[in-house]
Amino acid sequence: MLGASLALPAYLDRLNAEVSRLSQPDIQKMADLIYRAWQNDKFVYIIGNGGSGTTASHMAEDLGKSTLLSEDLRNESKKRLKVLSLTDNLGWIMAVGNDLAYDQIFVQQLMNYGRPGDVLLAISGSGNSPNILNSVDWANRHGLTTYGLTGYKGGKLKTMQQHGIHVDLDDMGMVESIHLCLFHWVLNDVFARINNEGRYAK
């Protein structure tokens, strides 16, 4: 835990340094995949455990609502991004975890929902969570596009994913913070493209 040994100025300096090391093309790729899903009327699914699970919920909420202009929220004809966090279906998660195994809680949902051309965003700080790996494996074999968000050394997810962003840092809190920080730029970029705003204005 970096914050246990670093005072706030040093912690913020380290956070800035870690963000600066990241691959900008890899971050851009995440935005491109989500925007392409919107263009092609495909689903975006998001998965993660613990803090990454709440990041998945946060991402799904933002992508579902905040890719729209406020005046379009009541517009029934407005084309919308199809997005779902598989961390939020609590009853299904408990049933699968109890009756099958915890490593099946996401992939069983994907078997019902996932279709070729959909996108799976898989968040795992360690990159080694079995329920994440099972889902990415299934998605890769069934025509979905997979994008991983990892930390530490990236684990098995880094080698399985088709695309992804890797925060090469052994601190889960900072890894999770960076994942969500980067996502908010992705959200803004997708919003701007969908609504012809900002640098995408026509």
N, C-alpha and C. Protein backbone atom coordinates (compact mmCIF):
# COMPACT_ATOMS: atom_id res chain seq x y z
N MET A 1 0.85 -1.19 0.00
CA MET A 1 0.00 0.00 0.00
C MET A 1 0.88 1.24 0.00
N LEU A 2 0.98 1.88 -1.14
CA LEU A 2 1.90 3.01 -1.27
C LEU A 2 1.54 4.15 -0.33
N GLY A 3 0.25 4.36 -0.11
CA GLY A 3 -0.17 5.46 0.76
C GLY A 3 0.24 5.28 2.21
N ALA A 4 0.56 4.04 2.61
CA ALA A 4 1.00 3.80 3.98
C ALA A 4 2.43 4.28 4.21
N SER A 5 3.20 4.38 3.14
CA SER A 5 4.60 4.80 3.28
C SER A 5 4.89 6.15 2.63
N LEU A 6 4.01 6.59 1.71
CA LEU A 6 4.23 7.86 1.02
C LEU A 6 3.29 8.92 1.57
N ALA A 7 3.81 10.10 1.88
CA ALA A 7 2.96 11.24 2.21
C ALA A 7 2.22 11.68 0.95
N LEU A 8 1.20 12.49 1.12
CA LEU A 8 0.33 12.84 0.01
C LEU A 8 1.07 13.43 -1.20
N PRO A 9 1.99 14.39 -1.03
CA PRO A 9 2.68 14.92 -2.23
C PRO A 9 3.43 13.83 -3.00
N ALA A 10 4.10 12.93 -2.29
CA ALA A 10 4.84 11.87 -2.96
C ALA A 10 3.90 10.87 -3.61
N TYR A 11 2.77 10.61 -2.96
CA TYR A 11 1.78 9.69 -3.53
C TYR A 11 1.22 10.24 -4.84
N LEU A 12 0.88 11.52 -4.83
CA LEU A 12 0.34 12.14 -6.04
C LEU A 12 1.38 12.19 -7.15
N ASP A 13 2.63 12.43 -6.79
CA ASP A 13 3.70 12.41 -7.79
C ASP A 13 3.82 11.01 -8.41
N ARG A 14 3.72 9.99 -7.57
CA ARG A 14 3.83 8.61 -8.07
C ARG A 14 2.64 8.28 -8.96
N LEU A 15 1.46 8.70 -8.56
CA LEU A 15 0.27 8.46 -9.38
C LEU A 15 0.42 9.09 -10.75
N ASN A 16 0.89 10.33 -10.78
CA ASN A 16 1.10 11.02 -12.05
C ASN A 16 2.14 10.31 -12.90
N ALA A 17 3.20 9.83 -12.27
CA ALA A 17 4.26 9.13 -13.00
C ALA A 17 3.74 7.83 -13.61
N GLU A 18 2.91 7.09 -12.85
CA GLU A 18 2.39 5.82 -13.35
C GLU A 18 1.43 6.05 -14.53
N VAL A 19 0.59 7.06 -14.43
CA VAL A 19 -0.32 7.37 -15.54
C VAL A 19 0.47 7.74 -16.78
N SER A 20 1.52 8.48 -16.61
CA SER A 20 2.33 8.95 -17.75
C SER A 20 3.03 7.80 -18.47
N ARG A 21 3.23 6.68 -17.79
CA ARG A 21 3.93 5.53 -18.40
C ARG A 21 3.02 4.69 -19.28
N LEU A 22 1.73 4.90 -19.22
CA LEU A 22 0.79 4.01 -19.89
C LEU A 22 0.78 4.21 -21.40
N SER A 23 0.37 3.17 -22.11
CA SER A 23 0.30 3.22 -23.56
C SER A 23 -0.96 3.96 -24.01
N GLN A 24 -0.78 5.12 -24.60
CA GLN A 24 -1.93 5.89 -25.05
C GLN A 24 -2.69 5.19 -26.18
N PRO A 25 -2.02 4.54 -27.13
CA PRO A 25 -2.78 3.80 -28.15
C PRO A 25 -3.67 2.70 -27.56
N ASP A 26 -3.21 2.07 -26.47
CA ASP A 26 -4.03 1.03 -25.83
C ASP A 26 -5.27 1.63 -25.18
N ILE A 27 -5.14 2.81 -24.61
CA ILE A 27 -6.29 3.50 -24.02
C ILE A 27 -7.26 3.91 -25.13
N GLN A 28 -6.73 4.45 -26.21
CA GLN A 28 -7.57 4.84 -27.35
C GLN A 28 -8.33 3.64 -27.91
N LYS A 29 -7.70 2.47 -27.90
CA LYS A 29 -8.33 1.26 -28.42
C LYS A 29 -9.59 0.93 -27.65
N MET A 30 -9.59 1.13 -26.36
CA MET A 30 -10.78 0.87 -25.55
C MET A 30 -11.94 1.76 -26.01
N ALA A 31 -11.66 3.03 -26.23
CA ALA A 31 -12.69 3.94 -26.72
C ALA A 31 -13.17 3.51 -28.10
N ASP A 32 -12.26 3.12 -28.96
CA ASP A 32 -12.62 2.70 -30.31
C ASP A 32 -13.55 1.49 -30.29
N LEU A 33 -13.24 0.51 -29.44
CA LEU A 33 -14.06 -0.70 -29.38
C LEU A 33 -15.47 -0.40 -28.89
N ILE A 34 -15.57 0.46 -27.89
CA ILE A 34 -16.90 0.80 -27.36
C ILE A 34 -17.69 1.59 -28.39
N TYR A 35 -17.05 2.54 -29.05
CA TYR A 35 -17.76 3.32 -30.07
C TYR A 35 -18.19 2.43 -31.22
N ARG A 36 -17.34 1.49 -31.63
CA ARG A 36 -17.69 0.58 -32.71
C ARG A 36 -18.88 -0.31 -32.31
N ALA A 37 -18.92 -0.71 -31.04
CA ALA A 37 -20.06 -1.49 -30.57
C ALA A 37 -21.35 -0.68 -30.71
N TRP A 38 -21.28 0.60 -30.37
CA TRP A 38 -22.46 1.47 -30.53
C TRP A 38 -22.84 1.58 -32.01
N GLN A 39 -21.86 1.77 -32.87
CA GLN A 39 -22.13 1.89 -34.30
C GLN A 39 -22.83 0.64 -34.84
N ASN A 40 -22.37 -0.53 -34.39
CA ASN A 40 -22.83 -1.80 -34.94
C ASN A 40 -23.94 -2.45 -34.13
N ASP A 41 -24.47 -1.72 -33.14
CA ASP A 41 -25.57 -2.21 -32.31
C ASP A 41 -25.20 -3.50 -31.58
N LYS A 42 -23.98 -3.54 -31.08
CA LYS A 42 -23.48 -4.69 -30.32
C LYS A 42 -23.45 -4.36 -28.82
N PHE A 43 -23.38 -5.40 -28.01
CA PHE A 43 -23.34 -5.24 -26.57
C PHE A 43 -21.91 -5.08 -26.06
N VAL A 44 -21.77 -4.30 -24.97
CA VAL A 44 -20.54 -4.23 -24.20
C VAL A 44 -20.83 -4.83 -22.83
N TYR A 45 -20.10 -5.87 -22.45
CA TYR A 45 -20.23 -6.49 -21.14
C TYR A 45 -18.99 -6.15 -20.32
N ILE A 46 -19.18 -5.95 -19.00
CA ILE A 46 -18.07 -5.57 -18.13
C ILE A 46 -18.08 -6.47 -16.90
N ILE A 47 -16.88 -6.97 -16.52
CA ILE A 47 -16.77 -7.88 -15.39
C ILE A 47 -15.57 -7.52 -14.52
N GLY A 48 -15.66 -7.86 -13.25
CA GLY A 48 -14.56 -7.66 -12.32
C GLY A 48 -14.97 -8.15 -10.94
N ASN A 49 -14.02 -8.29 -10.04
CA ASN A 49 -14.26 -8.74 -8.67
C ASN A 49 -13.91 -7.63 -7.68
N GLY A 50 -14.61 -7.60 -6.54
CA GLY A 50 -14.28 -6.65 -5.49
C GLY A 50 -14.33 -5.22 -5.97
N GLY A 51 -13.24 -4.47 -5.74
CA GLY A 51 -13.19 -3.10 -6.21
C GLY A 51 -13.33 -3.00 -7.71
N SER A 52 -12.77 -3.97 -8.42
CA SER A 52 -12.92 -3.99 -9.88
C SER A 52 -14.35 -4.28 -10.28
N GLY A 53 -15.08 -5.00 -9.43
CA GLY A 53 -16.49 -5.25 -9.69
C GLY A 53 -17.31 -3.97 -9.59
N THR A 54 -17.00 -3.14 -8.60
CA THR A 54 -17.72 -1.88 -8.51
C THR A 54 -17.29 -0.92 -9.61
N THR A 55 -16.05 -1.04 -10.08
CA THR A 55 -15.63 -0.28 -11.26
C THR A 55 -16.44 -0.71 -12.48
N ALA A 56 -16.69 -2.00 -12.61
CA ALA A 56 -17.51 -2.50 -13.72
C ALA A 56 -18.90 -1.90 -13.66
N SER A 57 -19.49 -1.85 -12.46
CA SER A 57 -20.82 -1.25 -12.30
C SER A 57 -20.79 0.23 -12.66
N HIS A 58 -19.77 0.92 -12.20
CA HIS A 58 -19.61 2.35 -12.48
C HIS A 58 -19.49 2.59 -13.99
N MET A 59 -18.66 1.79 -14.63
CA MET A 59 -18.49 1.94 -16.08
C MET A 59 -19.80 1.71 -16.82
N ALA A 60 -20.53 0.68 -16.44
CA ALA A 60 -21.78 0.37 -17.13
C ALA A 60 -22.80 1.49 -16.95
N GLU A 61 -22.89 2.02 -15.74
CA GLU A 61 -23.83 3.12 -15.49
C GLU A 61 -23.47 4.33 -16.34
N ASP A 62 -22.19 4.69 -16.34
CA ASP A 62 -21.76 5.86 -17.10
C ASP A 62 -21.97 5.66 -18.60
N LEU A 63 -21.60 4.49 -19.11
CA LEU A 63 -21.74 4.25 -20.54
C LEU A 63 -23.21 4.20 -20.95
N GLY A 64 -24.06 3.70 -20.07
CA GLY A 64 -25.48 3.62 -20.40
C GLY A 64 -26.16 4.97 -20.42
N LYS A 65 -25.83 5.81 -19.45
CA LYS A 65 -26.52 7.11 -19.32
C LYS A 65 -25.72 8.26 -19.90
N SER A 66 -24.43 8.29 -19.62
CA SER A 66 -23.64 9.49 -19.90
C SER A 66 -23.02 9.52 -21.29
N THR A 67 -23.43 8.62 -22.16
CA THR A 67 -23.08 8.75 -23.58
C THR A 67 -24.19 9.49 -24.33
N LEU A 68 -25.23 9.89 -23.60
CA LEU A 68 -26.34 10.62 -24.19
C LEU A 68 -26.32 12.08 -23.78
N LEU A 69 -26.77 12.97 -24.65
CA LEU A 69 -27.03 14.35 -24.27
C LEU A 69 -28.20 14.36 -23.30
N SER A 70 -28.21 15.29 -22.36
CA SER A 70 -29.28 15.32 -21.37
C SER A 70 -30.65 15.44 -22.01
N GLU A 71 -30.73 16.16 -23.12
CA GLU A 71 -32.03 16.32 -23.78
C GLU A 71 -32.48 15.06 -24.52
N ASP A 72 -31.58 14.09 -24.66
CA ASP A 72 -31.94 12.84 -25.35
C ASP A 72 -32.34 11.72 -24.39
N LEU A 73 -32.25 11.96 -23.08
CA LEU A 73 -32.54 10.90 -22.12
C LEU A 73 -33.98 10.41 -22.21
N ARG A 74 -34.89 11.29 -22.60
CA ARG A 74 -36.30 10.91 -22.74
C ARG A 74 -36.69 10.63 -24.19
N ASN A 75 -35.70 10.64 -25.06
CA ASN A 75 -35.95 10.42 -26.48
C ASN A 75 -35.95 8.93 -26.78
N GLU A 76 -37.10 8.35 -27.02
CA GLU A 76 -37.21 6.91 -27.22
C GLU A 76 -36.59 6.45 -28.52
N SER A 77 -36.42 7.35 -29.47
CA SER A 77 -35.86 6.96 -30.77
C SER A 77 -34.35 7.12 -30.84
N LYS A 78 -33.73 7.69 -29.78
CA LYS A 78 -32.29 7.92 -29.80
C LYS A 78 -31.55 6.58 -29.72
N LYS A 79 -30.61 6.38 -30.62
CA LYS A 79 -29.79 5.17 -30.59
C LYS A 79 -28.93 5.17 -29.34
N ARG A 80 -28.92 4.04 -28.63
CA ARG A 80 -28.23 3.96 -27.35
C ARG A 80 -27.19 2.84 -27.37
N LEU A 81 -26.20 3.00 -26.50
CA LEU A 81 -25.18 1.97 -26.33
C LEU A 81 -25.74 0.86 -25.46
N LYS A 82 -25.62 -0.37 -25.94
CA LYS A 82 -26.05 -1.54 -25.17
C LYS A 82 -24.90 -1.95 -24.26
N VAL A 83 -25.07 -1.81 -22.96
CA VAL A 83 -23.99 -2.09 -22.01
C VAL A 83 -24.57 -2.74 -20.77
N LEU A 84 -23.83 -3.71 -20.23
CA LEU A 84 -24.30 -4.45 -19.06
C LEU A 84 -23.12 -4.88 -18.21
N SER A 85 -23.18 -4.55 -16.92
CA SER A 85 -22.19 -5.06 -15.98
C SER A 85 -22.68 -6.40 -15.44
N LEU A 86 -21.95 -7.46 -15.68
CA LEU A 86 -22.36 -8.78 -15.21
C LEU A 86 -22.11 -8.97 -13.72
N THR A 87 -21.57 -7.93 -13.06
CA THR A 87 -21.40 -7.98 -11.61
C THR A 87 -22.69 -7.61 -10.87
N ASP A 88 -23.68 -7.12 -11.58
CA ASP A 88 -24.85 -6.53 -10.93
C ASP A 88 -26.05 -7.48 -10.80
N ASN A 89 -25.98 -8.64 -11.44
CA ASN A 89 -27.10 -9.58 -11.38
C ASN A 89 -26.91 -10.49 -10.17
N LEU A 90 -27.23 -9.96 -8.99
CA LEU A 90 -26.86 -10.60 -7.74
C LEU A 90 -27.48 -11.98 -7.57
N GLY A 91 -28.76 -12.12 -7.89
CA GLY A 91 -29.40 -13.42 -7.74
C GLY A 91 -28.75 -14.49 -8.59
N TRP A 92 -28.45 -14.14 -9.83
CA TRP A 92 -27.82 -15.10 -10.74
C TRP A 92 -26.42 -15.46 -10.24
N ILE A 93 -25.68 -14.45 -9.78
CA ILE A 93 -24.34 -14.70 -9.26
C ILE A 93 -24.39 -15.66 -8.08
N MET A 94 -25.32 -15.43 -7.16
CA MET A 94 -25.41 -16.31 -5.98
C MET A 94 -25.83 -17.72 -6.36
N ALA A 95 -26.76 -17.83 -7.31
CA ALA A 95 -27.22 -19.16 -7.73
C ALA A 95 -26.09 -19.94 -8.39
N VAL A 96 -25.38 -19.29 -9.29
CA VAL A 96 -24.28 -19.97 -9.98
C VAL A 96 -23.15 -20.30 -9.01
N GLY A 97 -22.81 -19.34 -8.13
CA GLY A 97 -21.75 -19.59 -7.17
C GLY A 97 -22.09 -20.74 -6.24
N ASN A 98 -23.35 -20.83 -5.86
CA ASN A 98 -23.78 -21.90 -4.95
C ASN A 98 -23.93 -23.24 -5.64
N ASP A 99 -24.53 -23.23 -6.83
CA ASP A 99 -24.88 -24.49 -7.50
C ASP A 99 -23.76 -25.03 -8.38
N LEU A 100 -22.92 -24.16 -8.91
CA LEU A 100 -21.82 -24.60 -9.78
C LEU A 100 -20.48 -24.28 -9.11
N ALA A 101 -19.99 -23.09 -9.33
CA ALA A 101 -18.73 -22.65 -8.73
C ALA A 101 -18.59 -21.16 -8.97
N TYR A 102 -17.82 -20.50 -8.09
CA TYR A 102 -17.64 -19.06 -8.23
C TYR A 102 -16.94 -18.71 -9.54
N ASP A 103 -16.13 -19.60 -10.05
CA ASP A 103 -15.42 -19.29 -11.29
C ASP A 103 -16.34 -19.30 -12.51
N GLN A 104 -17.63 -19.61 -12.29
CA GLN A 104 -18.60 -19.66 -13.37
C GLN A 104 -19.57 -18.47 -13.38
N ILE A 105 -19.43 -17.55 -12.43
CA ILE A 105 -20.48 -16.54 -12.25
C ILE A 105 -20.64 -15.58 -13.42
N PHE A 106 -19.59 -15.34 -14.16
CA PHE A 106 -19.68 -14.44 -15.31
C PHE A 106 -19.87 -15.19 -16.61
N VAL A 107 -19.15 -16.27 -16.78
CA VAL A 107 -19.22 -16.99 -18.06
C VAL A 107 -20.60 -17.59 -18.29
N GLN A 108 -21.29 -18.00 -17.22
CA GLN A 108 -22.64 -18.52 -17.40
C GLN A 108 -23.59 -17.45 -17.93
N GLN A 109 -23.39 -16.21 -17.49
CA GLN A 109 -24.20 -15.11 -18.02
C GLN A 109 -23.85 -14.84 -19.48
N LEU A 110 -22.55 -14.88 -19.78
CA LEU A 110 -22.13 -14.65 -21.16
C LEU A 110 -22.71 -15.70 -22.10
N MET A 111 -22.85 -16.93 -21.62
CA MET A 111 -23.43 -17.98 -22.47
C MET A 111 -24.85 -17.65 -22.87
N ASN A 112 -25.56 -16.92 -22.03
CA ASN A 112 -26.92 -16.49 -22.36
C ASN A 112 -26.94 -15.26 -23.26
N TYR A 113 -26.05 -14.32 -22.96
CA TYR A 113 -26.12 -13.01 -23.62
C TYR A 113 -25.16 -12.85 -24.81
N GLY A 114 -23.96 -13.36 -24.69
CA GLY A 114 -22.89 -13.01 -25.62
C GLY A 114 -23.12 -13.48 -27.04
N ARG A 115 -22.80 -12.62 -27.98
CA ARG A 115 -22.93 -12.92 -29.41
C ARG A 115 -21.68 -12.43 -30.14
N PRO A 116 -21.36 -13.02 -31.28
CA PRO A 116 -20.20 -12.54 -32.05
C PRO A 116 -20.30 -11.04 -32.33
N GLY A 117 -19.19 -10.37 -32.17
CA GLY A 117 -19.14 -8.92 -32.39
C GLY A 117 -19.33 -8.11 -31.13
N ASP A 118 -19.84 -8.73 -30.05
CA ASP A 118 -19.94 -8.02 -28.78
C ASP A 118 -18.54 -7.79 -28.19
N VAL A 119 -18.48 -6.94 -27.17
CA VAL A 119 -17.21 -6.59 -26.53
C VAL A 119 -17.28 -6.99 -25.06
N LEU A 120 -16.21 -7.60 -24.56
CA LEU A 120 -16.09 -7.92 -23.15
C LEU A 120 -14.93 -7.14 -22.55
N LEU A 121 -15.24 -6.27 -21.58
CA LEU A 121 -14.22 -5.55 -20.82
C LEU A 121 -14.00 -6.32 -19.52
N ALA A 122 -12.81 -6.84 -19.32
CA ALA A 122 -12.50 -7.71 -18.17
C ALA A 122 -11.48 -7.01 -17.28
N ILE A 123 -11.86 -6.73 -16.04
CA ILE A 123 -11.01 -5.98 -15.12
C ILE A 123 -10.48 -6.92 -14.05
N SER A 124 -9.15 -7.02 -13.94
CA SER A 124 -8.54 -7.85 -12.91
C SER A 124 -7.17 -7.29 -12.56
N GLY A 125 -7.04 -6.79 -11.32
CA GLY A 125 -5.76 -6.24 -10.92
C GLY A 125 -4.64 -7.25 -11.04
N SER A 126 -4.88 -8.46 -10.59
CA SER A 126 -3.86 -9.51 -10.66
C SER A 126 -3.76 -10.13 -12.03
N GLY A 127 -4.86 -10.11 -12.77
CA GLY A 127 -4.91 -10.80 -14.06
C GLY A 127 -5.05 -12.30 -13.94
N ASN A 128 -5.34 -12.79 -12.75
CA ASN A 128 -5.40 -14.24 -12.53
C ASN A 128 -6.70 -14.74 -11.91
N SER A 129 -7.73 -13.92 -11.88
CA SER A 129 -9.00 -14.35 -11.29
C SER A 129 -9.65 -15.40 -12.19
N PRO A 130 -9.93 -16.60 -11.66
CA PRO A 130 -10.47 -17.67 -12.51
C PRO A 130 -11.78 -17.30 -13.20
N ASN A 131 -12.67 -16.58 -12.52
CA ASN A 131 -13.95 -16.24 -13.16
C ASN A 131 -13.75 -15.26 -14.32
N ILE A 132 -12.73 -14.43 -14.24
CA ILE A 132 -12.41 -13.53 -15.35
C ILE A 132 -11.79 -14.32 -16.51
N LEU A 133 -10.85 -15.17 -16.19
CA LEU A 133 -10.16 -15.94 -17.23
C LEU A 133 -11.12 -16.87 -17.97
N ASN A 134 -12.04 -17.51 -17.24
CA ASN A 134 -13.03 -18.38 -17.90
C ASN A 134 -13.89 -17.58 -18.87
N SER A 135 -14.25 -16.38 -18.49
CA SER A 135 -15.09 -15.55 -19.34
C SER A 135 -14.35 -15.09 -20.59
N VAL A 136 -13.10 -14.69 -20.42
CA VAL A 136 -12.31 -14.23 -21.57
C VAL A 136 -12.04 -15.39 -22.52
N ASP A 137 -11.77 -16.54 -21.98
CA ASP A 137 -11.56 -17.72 -22.82
C ASP A 137 -12.81 -18.02 -23.65
N TRP A 138 -13.97 -18.02 -23.00
CA TRP A 138 -15.22 -18.29 -23.73
C TRP A 138 -15.46 -17.22 -24.79
N ALA A 139 -15.27 -15.96 -24.41
CA ALA A 139 -15.51 -14.87 -25.35
C ALA A 139 -14.59 -14.96 -26.55
N ASN A 140 -13.33 -15.28 -26.33
CA ASN A 140 -12.38 -15.42 -27.44
C ASN A 140 -12.80 -16.51 -28.40
N ARG A 141 -13.39 -17.58 -27.86
CA ARG A 141 -13.77 -18.73 -28.70
C ARG A 141 -15.12 -18.55 -29.37
N HIS A 142 -15.85 -17.49 -29.02
CA HIS A 142 -17.20 -17.31 -29.56
C HIS A 142 -17.37 -15.97 -30.28
N GLY A 143 -16.29 -15.40 -30.74
CA GLY A 143 -16.39 -14.26 -31.64
C GLY A 143 -16.56 -12.91 -30.98
N LEU A 144 -16.39 -12.82 -29.65
CA LEU A 144 -16.43 -11.54 -29.00
C LEU A 144 -15.03 -10.90 -29.03
N THR A 145 -14.96 -9.61 -28.88
CA THR A 145 -13.69 -8.91 -28.75
C THR A 145 -13.42 -8.69 -27.27
N THR A 146 -12.23 -9.07 -26.81
CA THR A 146 -11.91 -8.97 -25.39
C THR A 146 -10.86 -7.89 -25.14
N TYR A 147 -11.11 -7.14 -24.06
CA TYR A 147 -10.20 -6.06 -23.66
C TYR A 147 -10.00 -6.18 -22.16
N GLY A 148 -8.75 -6.34 -21.73
CA GLY A 148 -8.45 -6.50 -20.32
C GLY A 148 -7.86 -5.25 -19.70
N LEU A 149 -8.20 -5.03 -18.43
CA LEU A 149 -7.59 -3.97 -17.64
C LEU A 149 -6.89 -4.65 -16.47
N THR A 150 -5.57 -4.59 -16.44
CA THR A 150 -4.78 -5.36 -15.49
C THR A 150 -3.82 -4.47 -14.71
N GLY A 151 -3.24 -5.07 -13.65
CA GLY A 151 -2.19 -4.44 -12.87
C GLY A 151 -1.10 -5.46 -12.59
N TYR A 152 -0.28 -5.18 -11.58
CA TYR A 152 0.81 -6.08 -11.20
C TYR A 152 1.59 -6.51 -12.46
N LYS A 153 1.75 -7.79 -12.70
CA LYS A 153 2.46 -8.24 -13.91
C LYS A 153 1.50 -8.62 -15.03
N GLY A 154 0.23 -8.44 -14.81
CA GLY A 154 -0.76 -8.71 -15.85
C GLY A 154 -1.35 -10.10 -15.80
N GLY A 155 -0.65 -11.03 -15.15
CA GLY A 155 -1.17 -12.39 -15.00
C GLY A 155 -1.51 -13.06 -16.32
N LYS A 156 -2.36 -14.06 -16.24
CA LYS A 156 -2.77 -14.81 -17.42
C LYS A 156 -3.66 -13.98 -18.34
N LEU A 157 -4.40 -13.05 -17.75
CA LEU A 157 -5.30 -12.23 -18.56
C LEU A 157 -4.54 -11.46 -19.63
N LYS A 158 -3.38 -10.95 -19.28
CA LYS A 158 -2.60 -10.14 -20.22
C LYS A 158 -2.24 -10.93 -21.47
N THR A 159 -2.07 -12.24 -21.33
CA THR A 159 -1.72 -13.07 -22.49
C THR A 159 -2.96 -13.58 -23.22
N MET A 160 -4.10 -13.63 -22.55
CA MET A 160 -5.34 -14.15 -23.16
C MET A 160 -6.13 -13.09 -23.90
N GLN A 161 -6.12 -11.88 -23.38
CA GLN A 161 -6.94 -10.81 -23.95
C GLN A 161 -6.48 -10.47 -25.36
N GLN A 162 -7.41 -9.99 -26.16
CA GLN A 162 -7.06 -9.54 -27.51
C GLN A 162 -6.46 -8.13 -27.48
N HIS A 163 -6.95 -7.31 -26.58
CA HIS A 163 -6.48 -5.94 -26.41
C HIS A 163 -6.51 -5.64 -24.91
N GLY A 164 -5.85 -4.54 -24.51
CA GLY A 164 -5.93 -4.19 -23.09
C GLY A 164 -4.99 -3.08 -22.69
N ILE A 165 -5.16 -2.65 -21.44
CA ILE A 165 -4.27 -1.67 -20.84
C ILE A 165 -3.69 -2.29 -19.58
N HIS A 166 -2.39 -2.18 -19.42
CA HIS A 166 -1.71 -2.79 -18.28
C HIS A 166 -1.05 -1.72 -17.44
N VAL A 167 -1.43 -1.66 -16.15
CA VAL A 167 -0.80 -0.76 -15.19
C VAL A 167 0.24 -1.59 -14.44
N ASP A 168 1.49 -1.44 -14.79
CA ASP A 168 2.58 -2.28 -14.26
C ASP A 168 2.99 -1.76 -12.89
N LEU A 169 2.18 -2.09 -11.89
CA LEU A 169 2.36 -1.52 -10.56
C LEU A 169 1.84 -2.50 -9.53
N ASP A 170 2.59 -2.73 -8.46
CA ASP A 170 2.20 -3.67 -7.42
C ASP A 170 1.47 -2.96 -6.28
N ASP A 171 0.40 -2.28 -6.60
CA ASP A 171 -0.41 -1.61 -5.59
C ASP A 171 -1.85 -1.59 -6.10
N MET A 172 -2.70 -2.43 -5.48
CA MET A 172 -4.06 -2.61 -6.00
C MET A 172 -4.86 -1.32 -5.98
N GLY A 173 -4.74 -0.53 -4.92
CA GLY A 173 -5.52 0.70 -4.85
C GLY A 173 -5.19 1.66 -5.98
N MET A 174 -3.91 1.84 -6.25
CA MET A 174 -3.53 2.75 -7.31
C MET A 174 -3.89 2.18 -8.68
N VAL A 175 -3.75 0.86 -8.85
CA VAL A 175 -4.15 0.23 -10.10
C VAL A 175 -5.63 0.47 -10.37
N GLU A 176 -6.47 0.24 -9.36
CA GLU A 176 -7.92 0.43 -9.53
C GLU A 176 -8.25 1.89 -9.80
N SER A 177 -7.56 2.81 -9.13
CA SER A 177 -7.79 4.24 -9.36
C SER A 177 -7.45 4.63 -10.80
N ILE A 178 -6.35 4.11 -11.29
CA ILE A 178 -5.92 4.43 -12.65
C ILE A 178 -6.90 3.86 -13.67
N HIS A 179 -7.36 2.63 -13.45
CA HIS A 179 -8.34 2.05 -14.37
C HIS A 179 -9.55 2.96 -14.51
N LEU A 180 -10.08 3.43 -13.39
CA LEU A 180 -11.28 4.26 -13.44
C LEU A 180 -10.98 5.64 -14.00
N CYS A 181 -9.81 6.19 -13.67
CA CYS A 181 -9.42 7.48 -14.22
C CYS A 181 -9.35 7.44 -15.74
N LEU A 182 -8.72 6.41 -16.28
CA LEU A 182 -8.60 6.27 -17.73
C LEU A 182 -9.97 6.09 -18.36
N PHE A 183 -10.83 5.33 -17.69
CA PHE A 183 -12.17 5.10 -18.23
C PHE A 183 -12.91 6.42 -18.44
N HIS A 184 -12.75 7.36 -17.53
CA HIS A 184 -13.51 8.60 -17.67
C HIS A 184 -13.09 9.37 -18.92
N TRP A 185 -11.82 9.27 -19.32
CA TRP A 185 -11.46 9.86 -20.61
C TRP A 185 -12.14 9.08 -21.75
N VAL A 186 -12.12 7.75 -21.66
CA VAL A 186 -12.77 6.91 -22.68
C VAL A 186 -14.25 7.29 -22.80
N LEU A 187 -14.92 7.42 -21.67
CA LEU A 187 -16.33 7.82 -21.67
C LEU A 187 -16.53 9.13 -22.39
N ASN A 188 -15.71 10.12 -22.08
CA ASN A 188 -15.84 11.43 -22.72
C ASN A 188 -15.61 11.34 -24.22
N ASP A 189 -14.63 10.54 -24.62
CA ASP A 189 -14.32 10.38 -26.04
C ASP A 189 -15.49 9.74 -26.78
N VAL A 190 -16.06 8.69 -26.20
CA VAL A 190 -17.20 8.01 -26.83
C VAL A 190 -18.40 8.95 -26.89
N PHE A 191 -18.66 9.68 -25.81
CA PHE A 191 -19.74 10.67 -25.79
C PHE A 191 -19.57 11.68 -26.92
N ALA A 192 -18.37 12.21 -27.06
CA ALA A 192 -18.12 13.23 -28.08
C ALA A 192 -18.37 12.67 -29.48
N ARG A 193 -17.97 11.44 -29.72
CA ARG A 193 -18.18 10.84 -31.05
C ARG A 193 -19.65 10.58 -31.33
N ILE A 194 -20.34 10.02 -30.36
CA ILE A 194 -21.76 9.70 -30.56
C ILE A 194 -22.58 10.97 -30.82
N ASN A 195 -22.21 12.05 -30.14
CA ASN A 195 -23.02 13.27 -30.20
C ASN A 195 -22.41 14.38 -31.03
N ASN A 196 -21.32 14.05 -31.77
CA ASN A 196 -20.64 15.04 -32.59
C ASN A 196 -20.29 16.30 -31.78
N GLU A 197 -19.68 16.06 -30.63
CA GLU A 197 -19.32 17.15 -29.72
C GLU A 197 -17.80 17.33 -29.68
N GLY A 198 -17.35 18.43 -29.11
CA GLY A 198 -15.94 18.67 -28.89
C GLY A 198 -15.12 18.57 -30.16
N ARG A 199 -14.06 17.80 -30.12
CA ARG A 199 -13.17 17.71 -31.29
C ARG A 199 -13.80 16.92 -32.43
N TYR A 200 -14.95 16.25 -32.15
CA TYR A 200 -15.66 15.52 -33.21
C TYR A 200 -16.82 16.32 -33.79
N ALA A 201 -16.97 17.55 -33.36
CA ALA A 201 -18.08 18.36 -33.83
C ALA A 201 -18.00 18.57 -35.34
N LYS A 202 -19.15 18.45 -35.97
CA LYS A 202 -19.19 18.62 -37.44
C LYS A 202 -19.59 20.06 -37.78
